[in-house]
Structures are given as C-alpha cells and as structure tokens.
Amino acid sequence: MANSEKIVLDQLVMARGSSLRIEDGEGMTLRVRWGGTWITQEADHRDYYISPGESFRLDRGGSALVTALNRACVDATSPRTEGCARRIVLWPAGGSEYIDLYPESGRRIVTRLLNAM
C-alpha cells in the first residue's frame, strides 16, 4: 500500500453469501486475503472472480457489489486521503437487514466487530 492511501476496510470477514455494496468507490482497491469473492460494477457488462491474494481496483463510479462465494476476508484501500466512497453497506447472508459500515455521514463503524459473523 502506498503511503498516500487510506485504509477503508481492514480484514473485514464476510460470511458465505453476504454482500458488500460500495457506492461511488471509484479508485478503491479491494484485496482478498482468503476466500473467494465475486465483484459486479454498475455499467460494466463483466463480472469478476477475485481469488485469495488478488486485488481489484474499482474503475468506475456508481455501485459495486462484492459477494462472498465462501467465507472471505477482504481489505479495501482508497488513493484518496479525504473521503473514499459515499457509502459502504454489508448485507449478511440471507438477511434483510444491513449494517452501514461507512454511512453517508462519514462516521466510520469499526469493522472488526463483524468478524463474528
């Protein structure tokens, strides 16, 4: 990680089938520590499978959806030191309620608490 990058999510453990929605996260880099994820970006006709140890940079604005195909651990960094994404929301597998990880107010919720999921 370059010195000018901001850590947005650090070791977020996602349960199988859970999804992470990132709004306006262009430029963010997602790195899969372990597990497998599927990434879909708004206005991109392709989907991407990211294996453990691989990274993916969001290359457009709008919404991106990161889905854990099995239990996965993900980091996210942003090249911007001020702000990063408008909103980051985690949907637990099979749940209808979500957890606001990076609400629009800018108040960041500690992600390590989600490791028990």
C-alpha atoms as a PDB file:
ATOM      1  CA  MET A   1       0.000   0.000   0.000  1.00  0.00           C
ATOM      2  CA  ALA A   2       1.351   3.429  -0.915  1.00  0.00           C
ATOM      3  CA  ASN A   3       1.820   5.922   1.925  1.00  0.00           C
ATOM      4  CA  SER A   4      -0.832   8.219   0.475  1.00  0.00           C
ATOM      5  CA  GLU A   5      -3.551   5.540   0.526  1.00  0.00           C
ATOM      6  CA  LYS A   6      -6.284   5.429   3.127  1.00  0.00           C
ATOM      7  CA  ILE A   7      -7.367   2.134   4.705  1.00  0.00           C
ATOM      8  CA  VAL A   8     -11.133   1.928   4.350  1.00  0.00           C
ATOM      9  CA  LEU A   9     -11.793  -1.657   5.478  1.00  0.00           C
ATOM     10  CA  ASP A  10      -9.214  -3.737   7.322  1.00  0.00           C
ATOM     11  CA  GLN A  11      -9.670  -7.510   7.432  1.00  0.00           C
ATOM     12  CA  LEU A  12     -13.438  -7.498   7.008  1.00  0.00           C
ATOM     13  CA  VAL A  13     -14.589 -11.111   7.352  1.00  0.00           C
ATOM     14  CA  MET A  14     -17.644 -11.817   5.213  1.00  0.00           C
ATOM     15  CA  ALA A  15     -19.874 -14.845   5.721  1.00  0.00           C
ATOM     16  CA  ARG A  16     -20.644 -17.027   2.714  1.00  0.00           C
ATOM     17  CA  GLY A  17     -23.360 -15.386   0.638  1.00  0.00           C
ATOM     18  CA  SER A  18     -23.062 -11.970   2.269  1.00  0.00           C
ATOM     19  CA  SER A  19     -22.678  -8.911   0.054  1.00  0.00           C
ATOM     20  CA  LEU A  20     -20.857  -5.621   0.380  1.00  0.00           C
ATOM     21  CA  ARG A  21     -22.251  -2.678  -1.589  1.00  0.00           C
ATOM     22  CA  ILE A  22     -19.907   0.228  -2.281  1.00  0.00           C
ATOM     23  CA  GLU A  23     -21.388   3.414  -3.708  1.00  0.00           C
ATOM     24  CA  ASP A  24     -19.174   5.817  -5.671  1.00  0.00           C
ATOM     25  CA  GLY A  25     -15.981   3.969  -4.755  1.00  0.00           C
ATOM     26  CA  GLU A  26     -14.079   4.625  -7.993  1.00  0.00           C
ATOM     27  CA  GLY A  27     -10.354   4.192  -7.373  1.00  0.00           C
ATOM     28  CA  MET A  28     -10.762   1.921  -4.341  1.00  0.00           C
ATOM     29  CA  THR A  29      -8.696  -1.261  -4.357  1.00  0.00           C
ATOM     30  CA  LEU A  30     -10.192  -4.445  -2.895  1.00  0.00           C
ATOM     31  CA  ARG A  31      -7.808  -7.223  -1.845  1.00  0.00           C
ATOM     32  CA  VAL A  32      -8.968 -10.711  -0.929  1.00  0.00           C
ATOM     33  CA  ARG A  33      -6.846 -12.160   1.891  1.00  0.00           C
ATOM     34  CA  TRP A  34      -8.633 -15.526   1.838  1.00  0.00           C
ATOM     35  CA  GLY A  35     -11.832 -16.983   0.449  1.00  0.00           C
ATOM     36  CA  GLY A  36     -13.329 -16.052  -2.898  1.00  0.00           C
ATOM     37  CA  THR A  37     -15.394 -13.069  -3.990  1.00  0.00           C
ATOM     38  CA  TRP A  38     -17.431 -12.065  -6.994  1.00  0.00           C
ATOM     39  CA  ILE A  39     -17.425  -8.374  -7.988  1.00  0.00           C
ATOM     40  CA  THR A  40     -20.013  -6.626 -10.145  1.00  0.00           C
ATOM     41  CA  GLN A  41     -19.744  -2.931 -11.064  1.00  0.00           C
ATOM     42  CA  GLU A  42     -22.554  -0.723 -12.314  1.00  0.00           C
ATOM     43  CA  ALA A  43     -22.332  -0.070 -16.083  1.00  0.00           C
ATOM     44  CA  ASP A  44     -19.820  -2.910 -16.577  1.00  0.00           C
ATOM     45  CA  HIS A  45     -21.115  -5.916 -18.512  1.00  0.00           C
ATOM     46  CA  ARG A  46     -18.429  -8.145 -16.970  1.00  0.00           C
ATOM     47  CA  ASP A  47     -18.281  -9.728 -13.508  1.00  0.00           C
ATOM     48  CA  TYR A  48     -15.005 -10.600 -11.805  1.00  0.00           C
ATOM     49  CA  TYR A  49     -13.933 -13.520  -9.606  1.00  0.00           C
ATOM     50  CA  ILE A  50     -11.168 -12.473  -7.218  1.00  0.00           C
ATOM     51  CA  SER A  51      -9.075 -15.266  -5.683  1.00  0.00           C
ATOM     52  CA  PRO A  52      -7.119 -15.142  -2.412  1.00  0.00           C
ATOM     53  CA  GLY A  53      -4.114 -12.843  -2.741  1.00  0.00           C
ATOM     54  CA  GLU A  54      -5.571 -11.000  -5.743  1.00  0.00           C
ATOM     55  CA  SER A  55      -6.654  -7.356  -5.883  1.00  0.00           C
ATOM     56  CA  PHE A  56      -9.235  -5.495  -7.929  1.00  0.00           C
ATOM     57  CA  ARG A  57      -9.488  -1.748  -8.490  1.00  0.00           C
ATOM     58  CA  LEU A  58     -12.944  -0.241  -8.935  1.00  0.00           C
ATOM     59  CA  ASP A  59     -12.625   1.683 -12.183  1.00  0.00           C
ATOM     60  CA  ARG A  60     -15.963   3.486 -12.316  1.00  0.00           C
ATOM     61  CA  GLY A  61     -18.416   5.363 -10.124  1.00  0.00           C
ATOM     62  CA  GLY A  62     -21.870   4.127  -9.249  1.00  0.00           C
ATOM     63  CA  SER A  63     -22.464   0.977  -7.228  1.00  0.00           C
ATOM     64  CA  ALA A  64     -20.215  -2.050  -6.913  1.00  0.00           C
ATOM     65  CA  LEU A  65     -21.320  -5.303  -5.303  1.00  0.00           C
ATOM     66  CA  VAL A  66     -18.827  -7.670  -3.660  1.00  0.00           C
ATOM     67  CA  THR A  67     -20.290 -11.097  -2.826  1.00  0.00           C
ATOM     68  CA  ALA A  68     -18.527 -13.738  -0.714  1.00  0.00           C
ATOM     69  CA  LEU A  69     -18.770 -17.092  -2.507  1.00  0.00           C
ATOM     70  CA  ASN A  70     -17.495 -18.716   0.662  1.00  0.00           C
ATOM     71  CA  ARG A  71     -16.261 -17.204   3.920  1.00  0.00           C
ATOM     72  CA  ALA A  72     -13.837 -14.477   2.840  1.00  0.00           C
ATOM     73  CA  CYS A  73     -11.586 -11.789   4.287  1.00  0.00           C
ATOM     74  CA  VAL A  74     -11.329  -8.511   2.359  1.00  0.00           C
ATOM     75  CA  ASP A  75      -9.310  -5.292   2.702  1.00  0.00           C
ATOM     76  CA  ALA A  76     -10.138  -2.053   0.897  1.00  0.00           C
ATOM     77  CA  THR A  77      -7.922   0.971   0.366  1.00  0.00           C
ATOM     78  CA  SER A  78      -8.507   4.266  -1.380  1.00  0.00           C
ATOM     79  CA  PRO A  79      -5.986   6.556  -3.087  1.00  0.00           C
ATOM     80  CA  ARG A  80      -7.915   9.497  -1.650  1.00  0.00           C
ATOM     81  CA  THR A  81      -6.976  10.519   1.874  1.00  0.00           C
ATOM     82  CA  GLU A  82     -10.180  12.556   2.224  1.00  0.00           C
ATOM     83  CA  GLY A  83     -13.324  10.512   1.726  1.00  0.00           C
ATOM     84  CA  CYS A  84     -13.382   7.347  -0.350  1.00  0.00           C
ATOM     85  CA  ALA A  85     -16.877   6.161  -1.076  1.00  0.00           C
ATOM     86  CA  ARG A  86     -20.219   7.750  -0.486  1.00  0.00           C
ATOM     87  CA  ARG A  87     -21.481   4.685   1.361  1.00  0.00           C
ATOM     88  CA  ILE A  88     -20.433   1.109   2.168  1.00  0.00           C
ATOM     89  CA  VAL A  89     -23.117  -1.337   3.318  1.00  0.00           C
ATOM     90  CA  LEU A  90     -22.833  -5.019   4.333  1.00  0.00           C
ATOM     91  CA  TRP A  91     -25.784  -7.392   3.888  1.00  0.00           C
ATOM     92  CA  PRO A  92     -25.408 -10.575   5.962  1.00  0.00           C
ATOM     93  CA  ALA A  93     -26.190 -13.817   4.124  1.00  0.00           C
ATOM     94  CA  GLY A  94     -29.919 -14.458   3.945  1.00  0.00           C
ATOM     95  CA  GLY A  95     -30.700 -11.323   5.931  1.00  0.00           C
ATOM     96  CA  SER A  96     -32.911  -8.416   5.043  1.00  0.00           C
ATOM     97  CA  GLU A  97     -31.256  -6.022   7.491  1.00  0.00           C
ATOM     98  CA  TYR A  98     -27.955  -4.394   6.627  1.00  0.00           C
ATOM     99  CA  ILE A  99     -25.004  -2.923   8.513  1.00  0.00           C
ATOM    100  CA  ASP A 100     -23.822   0.564   7.489  1.00  0.00           C
ATOM    101  CA  LEU A 101     -20.013   0.326   7.559  1.00  0.00           C
ATOM    102  CA  TYR A 102     -19.320   3.749   6.102  1.00  0.00           C
ATOM    103  CA  PRO A 103     -22.510   5.799   6.289  1.00  0.00           C
ATOM    104  CA  GLU A 104     -23.027   8.965   4.301  1.00  0.00           C
ATOM    105  CA  SER A 105     -22.458  10.974   7.485  1.00  0.00           C
ATOM    106  CA  GLY A 106     -18.797   9.940   7.302  1.00  0.00           C
ATOM    107  CA  ARG A 107     -18.891   8.248  10.712  1.00  0.00           C
ATOM    108  CA  ARG A 108     -16.973   5.010  10.344  1.00  0.00           C
ATOM    109  CA  ILE A 109     -18.124   1.913  12.199  1.00  0.00           C
ATOM    110  CA  VAL A 110     -15.389  -0.422  13.427  1.00  0.00           C
ATOM    111  CA  THR A 111     -15.395  -3.368  11.044  1.00  0.00           C
ATOM    112  CA  ARG A 112     -13.585  -5.824  13.310  1.00  0.00           C
ATOM    113  CA  LEU A 113     -16.841  -6.296  15.217  1.00  0.00           C
ATOM    114  CA  LEU A 114     -18.212  -8.051  12.141  1.00  0.00           C
ATOM    115  CA  ASN A 115     -15.640 -10.840  12.347  1.00  0.00           C
ATOM    116  CA  ALA A 116     -18.040 -12.915  14.440  1.00  0.00           C
ATOM    117  CA  MET A 117     -20.489 -13.174  11.531  1.00  0.00           C
END
